[in-house]
C-alpha atoms as a PDB file:
ATOM      1  CA  MET A   1       0.000   0.000   0.000  1.00  0.00           C
ATOM      2  CA  PHE A   2       2.791   2.434   0.947  1.00  0.00           C
ATOM      3  CA  SER A   3       6.220   2.728  -0.618  1.00  0.00           C
ATOM      4  CA  LYS A   4       9.126   1.004   1.131  1.00  0.00           C
ATOM      5  CA  SER A   5      10.437   4.470   2.089  1.00  0.00           C
ATOM      6  CA  CYS A   6       7.129   5.314   3.714  1.00  0.00           C
ATOM      7  CA  GLU A   7       6.985   2.020   5.609  1.00  0.00           C
ATOM      8  CA  TYR A   8      10.493   2.587   6.965  1.00  0.00           C
ATOM      9  CA  GLY A   9       9.644   6.227   7.682  1.00  0.00           C
ATOM     10  CA  ILE A  10       6.631   5.238   9.770  1.00  0.00           C
ATOM     11  CA  ARG A  11       8.629   2.664  11.723  1.00  0.00           C
ATOM     12  CA  ALA A  12      11.501   5.111  12.226  1.00  0.00           C
ATOM     13  CA  ALA A  13       9.203   7.893  13.442  1.00  0.00           C
ATOM     14  CA  ILE A  14       7.509   5.559  15.929  1.00  0.00           C
ATOM     15  CA  TYR A  15      10.900   4.327  17.174  1.00  0.00           C
ATOM     16  CA  VAL A  16      12.158   7.891  17.608  1.00  0.00           C
ATOM     17  CA  ALA A  17       8.856   8.846  19.305  1.00  0.00           C
ATOM     18  CA  LYS A  18       9.190   5.921  21.732  1.00  0.00           C
ATOM     19  CA  HIS A  19      12.552   7.271  22.871  1.00  0.00           C
ATOM     20  CA  SER A  20      11.373  10.873  22.819  1.00  0.00           C
ATOM     21  CA  LEU A  21       8.738   9.935  25.401  1.00  0.00           C
ATOM     22  CA  LYS A  22      11.700   9.323  27.734  1.00  0.00           C
ATOM     23  CA  ASN A  23      13.527  12.498  26.566  1.00  0.00           C
ATOM     24  CA  GLU A  24      16.131  10.399  24.730  1.00  0.00           C
ATOM     25  CA  LYS A  25      17.732  11.095  21.366  1.00  0.00           C
ATOM     26  CA  VAL A  26      18.603   8.231  19.025  1.00  0.00           C
ATOM     27  CA  SER A  27      21.284   7.869  16.363  1.00  0.00           C
ATOM     28  CA  LEU A  28      20.859   6.924  12.740  1.00  0.00           C
ATOM     29  CA  ILE A  29      22.532   3.564  13.445  1.00  0.00           C
ATOM     30  CA  GLU A  30      20.111   2.807  16.298  1.00  0.00           C
ATOM     31  CA  VAL A  31      17.089   3.654  14.157  1.00  0.00           C
ATOM     32  CA  ALA A  32      18.373   1.550  11.237  1.00  0.00           C
ATOM     33  CA  LYS A  33      19.106  -1.398  13.513  1.00  0.00           C
ATOM     34  CA  HIS A  34      15.752  -1.338  15.285  1.00  0.00           C
ATOM     35  CA  THR A  35      13.731  -0.931  12.092  1.00  0.00           C
ATOM     36  CA  ASP A  36      15.673  -3.531  10.078  1.00  0.00           C
ATOM     37  CA  SER A  37      16.638  -1.015   7.416  1.00  0.00           C
ATOM     38  CA  PRO A  38      19.919  -0.319   5.626  1.00  0.00           C
ATOM     39  CA  PRO A  39      21.673   2.686   7.266  1.00  0.00           C
ATOM     40  CA  ALA A  40      22.226   4.557   3.975  1.00  0.00           C
ATOM     41  CA  PHE A  41      18.546   4.212   3.076  1.00  0.00           C
ATOM     42  CA  MET A  42      17.484   5.202   6.591  1.00  0.00           C
ATOM     43  CA  ALA A  43      19.727   8.288   6.450  1.00  0.00           C
ATOM     44  CA  LYS A  44      17.735   9.582   3.466  1.00  0.00           C
ATOM     45  CA  ILE A  45      14.439   8.808   5.179  1.00  0.00           C
ATOM     46  CA  LEU A  46      15.438  10.544   8.422  1.00  0.00           C
ATOM     47  CA  GLN A  47      16.688  13.524   6.421  1.00  0.00           C
ATOM     48  CA  LYS A  48      13.311  13.787   4.684  1.00  0.00           C
ATOM     49  CA  LEU A  49      11.388  13.461   7.960  1.00  0.00           C
ATOM     50  CA  THR A  50      13.588  16.153   9.499  1.00  0.00           C
ATOM     51  CA  ARG A  51      13.213  18.442   6.479  1.00  0.00           C
ATOM     52  CA  THR A  52       9.401  18.098   6.681  1.00  0.00           C
ATOM     53  CA  GLU A  53       9.561  18.791  10.448  1.00  0.00           C
ATOM     54  CA  VAL A  54       8.182  15.433  11.553  1.00  0.00           C
ATOM     55  CA  LEU A  55      11.464  14.822  13.411  1.00  0.00           C
ATOM     56  CA  SER A  56      14.105  17.122  14.853  1.00  0.00           C
ATOM     57  CA  SER A  57      17.820  16.499  15.029  1.00  0.00           C
ATOM     58  CA  ILE A  58      20.883  17.864  16.765  1.00  0.00           C
ATOM     59  CA  LYS A  59      24.425  17.200  15.580  1.00  0.00           C
ATOM     60  CA  GLY A  60      27.333  16.410  17.837  1.00  0.00           C
ATOM     61  CA  PRO A  61      28.315  13.935  20.539  1.00  0.00           C
ATOM     62  CA  ASN A  62      25.061  14.404  22.494  1.00  0.00           C
ATOM     63  CA  GLY A  63      22.982  14.761  19.368  1.00  0.00           C
ATOM     64  CA  GLY A  64      20.565  12.517  17.572  1.00  0.00           C
ATOM     65  CA  PHE A  65      16.996  12.386  16.371  1.00  0.00           C
ATOM     66  CA  PHE A  66      14.027  13.263  18.551  1.00  0.00           C
ATOM     67  CA  ILE A  67      10.471  14.554  18.457  1.00  0.00           C
ATOM     68  CA  THR A  68       9.370  17.554  20.473  1.00  0.00           C
ATOM     69  CA  ASP A  69       6.509  17.185  22.952  1.00  0.00           C
ATOM     70  CA  ASP A  70       4.235  19.280  20.739  1.00  0.00           C
ATOM     71  CA  HIS A  71       4.937  17.073  17.736  1.00  0.00           C
ATOM     72  CA  LEU A  72       4.402  13.858  19.709  1.00  0.00           C
ATOM     73  CA  HIS A  73       0.790  14.929  20.256  1.00  0.00           C
ATOM     74  CA  SER A  74       0.151  16.562  16.892  1.00  0.00           C
ATOM     75  CA  VAL A  75       2.038  14.517  14.270  1.00  0.00           C
ATOM     76  CA  SER A  76      -0.032  11.699  12.870  1.00  0.00           C
ATOM     77  CA  LEU A  77       0.694   8.849  10.499  1.00  0.00           C
ATOM     78  CA  LEU A  78      -1.025  10.918   7.837  1.00  0.00           C
ATOM     79  CA  ASN A  79       1.704  13.563   8.198  1.00  0.00           C
ATOM     80  CA  ILE A  80       4.356  10.903   7.632  1.00  0.00           C
ATOM     81  CA  VAL A  81       2.578   9.324   4.655  1.00  0.00           C
ATOM     82  CA  LEU A  82       2.160  12.734   3.018  1.00  0.00           C
ATOM     83  CA  ALA A  83       5.811  13.626   3.726  1.00  0.00           C
ATOM     84  CA  MET A  84       7.122  10.366   2.296  1.00  0.00           C
ATOM     85  CA  ASP A  85       4.686   9.444  -0.497  1.00  0.00           C
ATOM     86  CA  GLY A  86       2.605  12.548  -1.142  1.00  0.00           C
ATOM     87  CA  ASP A  87      -1.165  12.413  -1.499  1.00  0.00           C
ATOM     88  CA  GLY A  88      -1.282  10.097  -4.519  1.00  0.00           C
ATOM     89  CA  ILE A  89      -2.706   7.220  -2.508  1.00  0.00           C
ATOM     90  CA  PHE A  90      -5.729   9.410  -1.756  1.00  0.00           C
ATOM     91  CA  GLU A  91      -6.025  11.175  -5.103  1.00  0.00           C
ATOM     92  CA  ASN A  92      -4.893   8.883  -7.929  1.00  0.00           C
ATOM     93  CA  CYS A  93      -7.174   6.480  -9.748  1.00  0.00           C
ATOM     94  CA  THR A  94      -7.109   2.949  -8.346  1.00  0.00           C
ATOM     95  CA  LEU A  95      -6.901   1.559 -11.886  1.00  0.00           C
ATOM     96  CA  GLY A  96      -4.265   4.057 -12.984  1.00  0.00           C
ATOM     97  CA  LEU A  97      -6.437   6.135 -15.312  1.00  0.00           C
ATOM     98  CA  ARG A  98      -5.201   9.671 -15.933  1.00  0.00           C
ATOM     99  CA  ARG A  99      -8.610  11.130 -15.244  1.00  0.00           C
ATOM    100  CA  CYS A 100     -10.980   9.578 -12.755  1.00  0.00           C
ATOM    101  CA  ASP A 101     -13.475  11.517 -10.667  1.00  0.00           C
ATOM    102  CA  GLY A 102     -17.155  11.681  -9.821  1.00  0.00           C
ATOM    103  CA  GLN A 103     -18.002  13.006 -13.325  1.00  0.00           C
ATOM    104  CA  LYS A 104     -15.972  10.371 -15.193  1.00  0.00           C
ATOM    105  CA  PRO A 105     -15.396   7.510 -12.750  1.00  0.00           C
ATOM    106  CA  CYS A 106     -13.502   4.302 -13.361  1.00  0.00           C
ATOM    107  CA  PRO A 107     -15.331   1.056 -12.472  1.00  0.00           C
ATOM    108  CA  MET A 108     -13.791   1.089  -8.964  1.00  0.00           C
ATOM    109  CA  HIS A 109     -14.008   4.819  -8.238  1.00  0.00           C
ATOM    110  CA  PHE A 110     -16.987   4.971  -5.870  1.00  0.00           C
ATOM    111  CA  SER A 111     -15.928   1.867  -3.919  1.00  0.00           C
ATOM    112  CA  PHE A 112     -12.423   3.186  -3.358  1.00  0.00           C
ATOM    113  CA  VAL A 113     -13.410   6.761  -2.485  1.00  0.00           C
ATOM    114  CA  LYS A 114     -14.994   5.448   0.698  1.00  0.00           C
ATOM    115  CA  ILE A 115     -11.993   3.218   1.524  1.00  0.00           C
ATOM    116  CA  ARG A 116      -9.536   6.076   0.922  1.00  0.00           C
ATOM    117  CA  ASP A 117     -11.568   8.458   3.078  1.00  0.00           C
ATOM    118  CA  GLU A 118     -11.643   5.925   5.918  1.00  0.00           C
ATOM    119  CA  MET A 119      -7.911   5.300   5.557  1.00  0.00           C
ATOM    120  CA  ARG A 120      -7.171   9.036   5.661  1.00  0.00           C
ATOM    121  CA  GLU A 121      -9.241   9.392   8.850  1.00  0.00           C
ATOM    122  CA  THR A 122      -7.530   6.376  10.463  1.00  0.00           C
ATOM    123  CA  LEU A 123      -4.069   7.717   9.641  1.00  0.00           C
ATOM    124  CA  GLN A 124      -5.041  11.168  10.947  1.00  0.00           C
ATOM    125  CA  ARG A 125      -6.231   9.746  14.284  1.00  0.00           C
ATOM    126  CA  ALA A 126      -3.041   7.719  14.860  1.00  0.00           C
ATOM    127  CA  THR A 127      -0.630  10.096  16.611  1.00  0.00           C
ATOM    128  CA  LEU A 128       3.025   9.316  17.141  1.00  0.00           C
ATOM    129  CA  LYS A 129       2.477   9.565  20.894  1.00  0.00           C
ATOM    130  CA  SER A 130      -0.257   6.920  20.972  1.00  0.00           C
ATOM    131  CA  LEU A 131       1.668   4.565  18.698  1.00  0.00           C
ATOM    132  CA  ALA A 132       4.917   5.018  20.635  1.00  0.00           C
ATOM    133  CA  GLU A 133       3.111   4.302  23.909  1.00  0.00           C
ATOM    134  CA  GLU A 134       1.696   1.059  22.494  1.00  0.00           C
ATOM    135  CA  VAL A 135       5.197  -0.046  21.448  1.00  0.00           C
ATOM    136  CA  SER A 136       6.648   0.972  24.833  1.00  0.00           C
ATOM    137  CA  ASP A 137       3.939  -0.982  26.629  1.00  0.00           C
ATOM    138  CA  GLY A 138       4.563  -4.111  24.522  1.00  0.00           C
ATOM    139  CA  ILE A 139       1.098  -4.014  22.959  1.00  0.00           C
ATOM    140  CA  THR A 140       2.486  -3.553  19.433  1.00  0.00           C
ATOM    141  CA  PHE A 141       5.870  -4.175  17.813  1.00  0.00           C
ATOM    142  CA  LEU A 142       8.125  -2.549  15.209  1.00  0.00           C
ATOM    143  CA  LYS A 143      10.237  -5.598  14.515  1.00  0.00           C
ATOM    144  CA  ARG A 144       9.572  -9.338  14.353  1.00  0.00           C
END
């Protein structure tokens, strides 16, 4: 459903959020290790998430990636999906037609409009704080 970059970006943001709940910063290597992603690939993902202000970072010996308290409460999975993949998953035709809307729908248009709207709402409700707390509490997992 999401690109590999987006999947890794979601996992990385939740991992960083989990540590940010405890006022800890994490390194690129830690994030890559705990999300099972190649470090070079993760570096690009973390850079993008920092550039789009999902994450924050500080350089230096006491530096690393973190999420501010405000962002823990306000950043949702929707923010990450839009930062990583854009809004194509919500806007593009399911069958790949160049033009597909209510006036000229593809055969799947009306079925998928409802699914996409529900998915957008679900992603919007899922905050980094709530997801990080579930991982911290052992209810959910980022790695098998």
